[in-house]
PDB file of N, CA and C in Angstrom:
ATOM      1  N   MET A   1     -22.220  26.620-203.716  1.00  0.00           N
ATOM      2  CA  MET A   1     -21.469  25.294-204.367  1.00  0.00           C
ATOM      3  C   MET A   1     -20.135  25.916-204.891  1.00  0.00           C
ATOM      4  N   TYR A   2     -19.228  25.329-204.586  1.00  0.00           N
ATOM      5  CA  TYR A   2     -17.772  25.710-205.297  1.00  0.00           C
ATOM      6  C   TYR A   2     -17.850  24.524-206.388  1.00  0.00           C
ATOM      7  N   LEU A   3     -17.232  25.343-207.511  1.00  0.00           N
ATOM      8  CA  LEU A   3     -17.189  24.562-208.836  1.00  0.00           C
ATOM      9  C   LEU A   3     -15.909  23.913-208.800  1.00  0.00           C
ATOM     10  N   LYS A   4     -15.646  23.149-209.617  1.00  0.00           N
ATOM     11  CA  LYS A   4     -14.584  22.143-209.649  1.00  0.00           C
ATOM     12  C   LYS A   4     -13.463  23.260-210.559  1.00  0.00           C
ATOM     13  N   GLN A   5     -12.277  23.338-209.928  1.00  0.00           N
ATOM     14  CA  GLN A   5     -11.296  24.302-210.355  1.00  0.00           C
ATOM     15  C   GLN A   5     -10.602  23.796-211.570  1.00  0.00           C
ATOM     16  N   GLY A   6     -10.032  22.518-211.233  1.00  0.00           N
ATOM     17  CA  GLY A   6      -9.458  21.892-212.441  1.00  0.00           C
ATOM     18  C   GLY A   6      -8.015  22.823-213.024  1.00  0.00           C
ATOM     19  N   LYS A   7      -7.737  23.125-213.970  1.00  0.00           N
ATOM     20  CA  LYS A   7      -6.521  23.897-214.268  1.00  0.00           C
ATOM     21  C   LYS A   7      -6.931  25.309-214.302  1.00  0.00           C
ATOM     22  N   ASP A   8      -8.189  25.408-214.147  1.00  0.00           N
ATOM     23  CA  ASP A   8      -8.658  27.201-214.064  1.00  0.00           C
ATOM     24  C   ASP A   8      -7.697  27.934-212.926  1.00  0.00           C
ATOM     25  N   ARG A   9      -7.531  28.963-213.316  1.00  0.00           N
ATOM     26  CA  ARG A   9      -6.702  29.962-212.519  1.00  0.00           C
ATOM     27  C   ARG A   9      -7.059  30.013-211.354  1.00  0.00           C
ATOM     28  N   PHE A  10      -8.785  30.357-210.990  1.00  0.00           N
ATOM     29  CA  PHE A  10      -9.390  30.829-209.961  1.00  0.00           C
ATOM     30  C   PHE A  10     -10.242  29.761-209.695  1.00  0.00           C
ATOM     31  N   LEU A  11     -10.973  29.868-208.482  1.00  0.00           N
ATOM     32  CA  LEU A  11     -11.825  29.088-207.739  1.00  0.00           C
ATOM     33  C   LEU A  11     -13.176  30.087-207.999  1.00  0.00           C
ATOM     34  N   HIS A  12     -14.267  29.280-208.193  1.00  0.00           N
ATOM     35  CA  HIS A  12     -15.591  29.660-208.188  1.00  0.00           C
ATOM     36  C   HIS A  12     -16.540  29.260-207.715  1.00  0.00           C
ATOM     37  N   ARG A  13     -17.695  29.796-207.082  1.00  0.00           N
ATOM     38  CA  ARG A  13     -18.560  29.483-206.359  1.00  0.00           C
ATOM     39  C   ARG A  13     -19.743  30.047-206.792  1.00  0.00           C
ATOM     40  N   PHE A  14     -20.915  29.278-206.909  1.00  0.00           N
ATOM     41  CA  PHE A  14     -22.116  29.839-207.231  1.00  0.00           C
ATOM     42  C   PHE A  14     -23.181  29.680-206.174  1.00  0.00           C
ATOM     43  N   ARG A  15     -23.739  30.758-206.232  1.00  0.00           N
ATOM     44  CA  ARG A  15     -25.073  30.957-205.174  1.00  0.00           C
ATOM     45  C   ARG A  15     -26.579  31.388-205.547  1.00  0.00           C
ATOM     46  N   TRP A  16     -27.611  30.712-205.052  1.00  0.00           N
ATOM     47  CA  TRP A  16     -28.919  30.939-205.425  1.00  0.00           C
ATOM     48  C   TRP A  16     -29.410  31.223-204.273  1.00  0.00           C
ATOM     49  N   HIS A  17     -30.311  32.198-203.976  1.00  0.00           N
ATOM     50  CA  HIS A  17     -31.052  32.670-202.760  1.00  0.00           C
ATOM     51  C   HIS A  17     -32.470  32.310-203.156  1.00  0.00           C
ATOM     52  N   GLU A  18     -33.294  31.118-202.772  1.00  0.00           N
ATOM     53  CA  GLU A  18     -34.388  30.756-203.323  1.00  0.00           C
ATOM     54  C   GLU A  18     -35.563  32.013-202.833  1.00  0.00           C
ATOM     55  N   LEU A  19     -35.377  32.536-201.646  1.00  0.00           N
ATOM     56  CA  LEU A  19     -36.557  33.572-201.062  1.00  0.00           C
ATOM     57  C   LEU A  19     -35.937  34.824-201.539  1.00  0.00           C
ATOM     58  N   ASP A  20     -34.478  35.175-201.461  1.00  0.00           N
ATOM     59  CA  ASP A  20     -34.561  36.498-201.738  1.00  0.00           C
ATOM     60  C   ASP A  20     -34.520  36.861-203.328  1.00  0.00           C
ATOM     61  N   GLU A  21     -33.779  36.149-203.978  1.00  0.00           N
ATOM     62  CA  GLU A  21     -33.261  36.428-205.454  1.00  0.00           C
ATOM     63  C   GLU A  21     -33.856  35.185-206.410  1.00  0.00           C
ATOM     64  N   PRO A  22     -35.022  34.664-206.390  1.00  0.00           N
ATOM     65  CA  PRO A  22     -35.279  33.402-206.972  1.00  0.00           C
ATOM     66  C   PRO A  22     -34.929  33.288-208.547  1.00  0.00           C
ATOM     67  N   GLU A  23     -34.998  34.298-209.166  1.00  0.00           N
ATOM     68  CA  GLU A  23     -34.528  34.683-210.732  1.00  0.00           C
ATOM     69  C   GLU A  23     -32.787  34.649-210.807  1.00  0.00           C
ATOM     70  N   SER A  24     -32.312  34.892-210.008  1.00  0.00           N
ATOM     71  CA  SER A  24     -30.874  35.508-210.231  1.00  0.00           C
ATOM     72  C   SER A  24     -29.864  34.202-209.463  1.00  0.00           C
ATOM     73  N   ILE A  25     -28.797  34.214-210.142  1.00  0.00           N
ATOM     74  CA  ILE A  25     -27.736  33.265-209.623  1.00  0.00           C
ATOM     75  C   ILE A  25     -26.401  34.070-209.827  1.00  0.00           C
ATOM     76  N   LEU A  26     -25.643  34.089-208.503  1.00  0.00           N
ATOM     77  CA  LEU A  26     -24.604  34.890-208.192  1.00  0.00           C
ATOM     78  C   LEU A  26     -23.409  34.214-208.460  1.00  0.00           C
ATOM     79  N   ILE A  27     -22.256  34.606-209.040  1.00  0.00           N
ATOM     80  CA  ILE A  27     -20.986  33.595-209.135  1.00  0.00           C
ATOM     81  C   ILE A  27     -19.731  34.588-208.416  1.00  0.00           C
ATOM     82  N   ASP A  28     -19.239  33.831-207.333  1.00  0.00           N
ATOM     83  CA  ASP A  28     -18.230  34.596-206.560  1.00  0.00           C
ATOM     84  C   ASP A  28     -16.905  33.887-207.283  1.00  0.00           C
ATOM     85  N   CYS A  29     -16.010  35.027-207.571  1.00  0.00           N
ATOM     86  CA  CYS A  29     -14.702  34.491-208.162  1.00  0.00           C
ATOM     87  C   CYS A  29     -13.860  34.895-207.261  1.00  0.00           C
ATOM     88  N   TYR A  30     -12.838  34.048-206.773  1.00  0.00           N
ATOM     89  CA  TYR A  30     -11.978  34.059-205.712  1.00  0.00           C
ATOM     90  C   TYR A  30     -10.517  34.526-206.377  1.00  0.00           C
ATOM     91  N   TYR A  31     -10.398  35.635-206.552  1.00  0.00           N
ATOM     92  CA  TYR A  31      -8.937  36.157-207.258  1.00  0.00           C
ATOM     93  C   TYR A  31      -7.937  36.530-206.057  1.00  0.00           C
ATOM     94  N   ILE A  32      -6.740  36.455-206.625  1.00  0.00           N
ATOM     95  CA  ILE A  32      -5.779  37.282-205.689  1.00  0.00           C
ATOM     96  C   ILE A  32      -5.954  38.125-204.749  1.00  0.00           C
ATOM     97  N   ARG A  33      -6.566  38.959-205.275  1.00  0.00           N
ATOM     98  CA  ARG A  33      -7.053  40.429-204.514  1.00  0.00           C
ATOM     99  C   ARG A  33      -7.944  40.406-203.949  1.00  0.00           C
ATOM    100  N   GLY A  34      -8.871  39.095-203.938  1.00  0.00           N
ATOM    101  CA  GLY A  34      -9.959  38.949-203.127  1.00  0.00           C
ATOM    102  C   GLY A  34     -11.096  38.548-203.958  1.00  0.00           C
ATOM    103  N   ILE A  35     -12.267  38.204-203.090  1.00  0.00           N
ATOM    104  CA  ILE A  35     -13.620  37.837-203.637  1.00  0.00           C
ATOM    105  C   ILE A  35     -14.204  39.040-204.753  1.00  0.00           C
ATOM    106  N   LYS A  36     -14.862  38.534-205.538  1.00  0.00           N
ATOM    107  CA  LYS A  36     -15.388  39.604-206.453  1.00  0.00           C
ATOM    108  C   LYS A  36     -16.755  38.923-206.950  1.00  0.00           C
ATOM    109  N   THR A  37     -18.074  39.208-206.585  1.00  0.00           N
ATOM    110  CA  THR A  37     -19.256  38.323-207.153  1.00  0.00           C
ATOM    111  C   THR A  37     -19.925  39.385-208.381  1.00  0.00           C
ATOM    112  N   ILE A  38     -19.993  38.398-209.626  1.00  0.00           N
ATOM    113  CA  ILE A  38     -20.377  38.649-211.005  1.00  0.00           C
ATOM    114  C   ILE A  38     -21.532  38.053-211.164  1.00  0.00           C
ATOM    115  N   ASN A  39     -22.261  38.529-212.333  1.00  0.00           N
ATOM    116  CA  ASN A  39     -23.811  37.920-212.720  1.00  0.00           C
ATOM    117  C   ASN A  39     -23.259  36.863-213.649  1.00  0.00           C
ATOM    118  N   GLU A  40     -24.216  36.068-213.973  1.00  0.00           N
ATOM    119  CA  GLU A  40     -23.977  34.821-214.631  1.00  0.00           C
ATOM    120  C   GLU A  40     -23.382  35.149-216.173  1.00  0.00           C
ATOM    121  N   GLU A  41     -24.086  36.203-216.640  1.00  0.00           N
ATOM    122  CA  GLU A  41     -24.009  36.836-217.905  1.00  0.00           C
ATOM    123  C   GLU A  41     -22.297  36.856-218.033  1.00  0.00           C
ATOM    124  N   ASP A  42     -21.545  37.670-217.272  1.00  0.00           N
ATOM    125  CA  ASP A  42     -20.285  38.170-217.222  1.00  0.00           C
ATOM    126  C   ASP A  42     -19.507  36.675-216.808  1.00  0.00           C
ATOM    127  N   PHE A  43     -19.919  35.960-216.151  1.00  0.00           N
ATOM    128  CA  PHE A  43     -19.208  34.537-216.058  1.00  0.00           C
ATOM    129  C   PHE A  43     -18.947  33.718-217.317  1.00  0.00           C
ATOM    130  N   LEU A  44     -20.102  33.650-217.943  1.00  0.00           N
ATOM    131  CA  LEU A  44     -20.327  32.850-219.186  1.00  0.00           C
ATOM    132  C   LEU A  44     -19.227  33.555-220.314  1.00  0.00           C
ATOM    133  N   MET A  45     -19.171  34.638-220.329  1.00  0.00           N
ATOM    134  CA  MET A  45     -18.220  35.382-221.236  1.00  0.00           C
ATOM    135  C   MET A  45     -16.831  34.609-220.978  1.00  0.00           C
ATOM    136  N   ASN A  46     -16.239  34.743-220.143  1.00  0.00           N
ATOM    137  CA  ASN A  46     -15.081  34.327-219.933  1.00  0.00           C
ATOM    138  C   ASN A  46     -14.222  34.060-221.025  1.00  0.00           C
ATOM    139  N   THR A  47     -13.798  35.397-221.626  1.00  0.00           N
ATOM    140  CA  THR A  47     -12.730  35.678-222.915  1.00  0.00           C
ATOM    141  C   THR A  47     -11.727  35.281-222.979  1.00  0.00           C
ATOM    142  N   ASN A  48     -11.271  35.101-221.708  1.00  0.00           N
ATOM    143  CA  ASN A  48      -9.589  34.747-221.690  1.00  0.00           C
ATOM    144  C   ASN A  48      -9.218  33.261-221.259  1.00  0.00           C
ATOM    145  N   GLY A  49     -10.534  32.459-221.020  1.00  0.00           N
ATOM    146  CA  GLY A  49     -10.297  31.156-221.153  1.00  0.00           C
ATOM    147  C   GLY A  49      -9.607  30.746-219.645  1.00  0.00           C
ATOM    148  N   LEU A  50      -9.635  31.341-218.622  1.00  0.00           N
ATOM    149  CA  LEU A  50      -9.414  31.139-217.319  1.00  0.00           C
ATOM    150  C   LEU A  50     -10.364  30.190-216.448  1.00  0.00           C
ATOM    151  N   SER A  51     -11.395  30.400-216.771  1.00  0.00           N
ATOM    152  CA  SER A  51     -12.757  29.639-216.226  1.00  0.00           C
ATOM    153  C   SER A  51     -13.425  28.473-216.772  1.00  0.00           C
ATOM    154  N   PHE A  52     -12.484  27.824-217.769  1.00  0.00           N
ATOM    155  CA  PHE A  52     -13.007  26.928-218.503  1.00  0.00           C
ATOM    156  C   PHE A  52     -13.814  25.852-217.852  1.00  0.00           C
ATOM    157  N   ASN A  53     -13.273  25.245-216.867  1.00  0.00           N
ATOM    158  CA  ASN A  53     -13.544  23.966-216.264  1.00  0.00           C
ATOM    159  C   ASN A  53     -14.826  24.433-215.225  1.00  0.00           C
ATOM    160  N   ALA A  54     -14.806  25.539-214.541  1.00  0.00           N
ATOM    161  CA  ALA A  54     -15.742  26.142-213.865  1.00  0.00           C
ATOM    162  C   ALA A  54     -17.188  26.265-214.768  1.00  0.00           C
ATOM    163  N   ILE A  55     -17.030  27.063-215.670  1.00  0.00           N
ATOM    164  CA  ILE A  55     -18.074  27.147-216.741  1.00  0.00           C
ATOM    165  C   ILE A  55     -18.698  25.759-217.192  1.00  0.00           C
ATOM    166  N   GLU A  56     -18.048  24.880-217.283  1.00  0.00           N
ATOM    167  CA  GLU A  56     -18.253  23.667-217.986  1.00  0.00           C
ATOM    168  C   GLU A  56     -19.146  22.972-217.160  1.00  0.00           C
ATOM    169  N   GLN A  57     -19.013  22.981-215.791  1.00  0.00           N
ATOM    170  CA  GLN A  57     -19.591  22.640-214.459  1.00  0.00           C
ATOM    171  C   GLN A  57     -20.945  23.016-214.501  1.00  0.00           C
ATOM    172  N   TYR A  58     -20.690  24.454-214.272  1.00  0.00           N
ATOM    173  CA  TYR A  58     -21.901  25.001-214.227  1.00  0.00           C
ATOM    174  C   TYR A  58     -23.062  24.896-215.373  1.00  0.00           C
ATOM    175  N   LYS A  59     -22.495  25.098-216.496  1.00  0.00           N
ATOM    176  CA  LYS A  59     -23.559  24.365-217.439  1.00  0.00           C
ATOM    177  C   LYS A  59     -24.228  23.174-217.521  1.00  0.00           C
ATOM    178  N   GLU A  60     -23.473  22.290-217.092  1.00  0.00           N
ATOM    179  CA  GLU A  60     -23.921  20.863-216.808  1.00  0.00           C
ATOM    180  C   GLU A  60     -25.182  20.867-215.784  1.00  0.00           C
ATOM    181  N   ILE A  61     -24.871  21.564-214.480  1.00  0.00           N
ATOM    182  CA  ILE A  61     -25.631  21.577-213.367  1.00  0.00           C
ATOM    183  C   ILE A  61     -27.093  22.503-213.776  1.00  0.00           C
ATOM    184  N   LEU A  62     -26.764  23.618-214.888  1.00  0.00           N
ATOM    185  CA  LEU A  62     -27.945  24.061-215.207  1.00  0.00           C
ATOM    186  C   LEU A  62     -28.707  23.015-216.379  1.00  0.00           C
ATOM    187  N   ARG A  63     -28.127  22.012-217.195  1.00  0.00           N
ATOM    188  CA  ARG A  63     -28.836  21.437-217.701  1.00  0.00           C
ATOM    189  C   ARG A  63     -29.650  20.156-216.886  1.00  0.00           C
ATOM    190  N   LYS A  64     -29.021  19.733-216.019  1.00  0.00           N
ATOM    191  CA  LYS A  64     -29.386  18.652-214.964  1.00  0.00           C
ATOM    192  C   LYS A  64     -30.758  19.489-214.281  1.00  0.00           C
ATOM    193  N   LEU A  65     -30.714  20.479-214.026  1.00  0.00           N
ATOM    194  CA  LEU A  65     -31.713  21.463-213.532  1.00  0.00           C
ATOM    195  C   LEU A  65     -32.979  21.542-214.231  1.00  0.00           C
ATOM    196  N   LYS A  66     -32.992  21.932-215.485  1.00  0.00           N
ATOM    197  CA  LYS A  66     -33.902  21.934-216.491  1.00  0.00           C
ATOM    198  C   LYS A  66     -34.399  20.504-216.711  1.00  0.00           C
ATOM    199  N   GLU A  67     -33.640  19.652-216.785  1.00  0.00           N
ATOM    200  CA  GLU A  67     -34.393  18.350-216.870  1.00  0.00           C
ATOM    201  C   GLU A  67     -35.297  17.669-215.444  1.00  0.00           C
ATOM    202  N   ILE A  68     -34.892  18.000-214.332  1.00  0.00           N
ATOM    203  CA  ILE A  68     -35.315  17.943-213.352  1.00  0.00           C
ATOM    204  C   ILE A  68     -36.796  18.965-213.061  1.00  0.00           C
ATOM    205  N   GLU A  69     -36.790  19.910-214.058  1.00  0.00           N
ATOM    206  CA  GLU A  69     -38.177  20.834-214.016  1.00  0.00           C
ATOM    207  C   GLU A  69     -39.228  20.227-215.157  1.00  0.00           C
ATOM    208  N   LYS A  70     -38.576  19.444-215.975  1.00  0.00           N
ATOM    209  CA  LYS A  70     -39.662  19.053-216.798  1.00  0.00           C
ATOM    210  C   LYS A  70     -40.738  17.805-216.097  1.00  0.00           C
TER     211      LYS A  70
END
């Protein structure tokens, strides 16, 4: 799923493989120099503020998923 870019500098996509890696979510960052896959922790740190929109949308998706689990 691609996350909304808004005013973020780069595009982000998150991946989840239910059968292969059910406990981990991978984040693909589309940088000028190419795609880099990072883990959720590194994505959420976002120390430079260039991924604000993507992070907010990602957190909202996680909140909705937790509601469904209940």
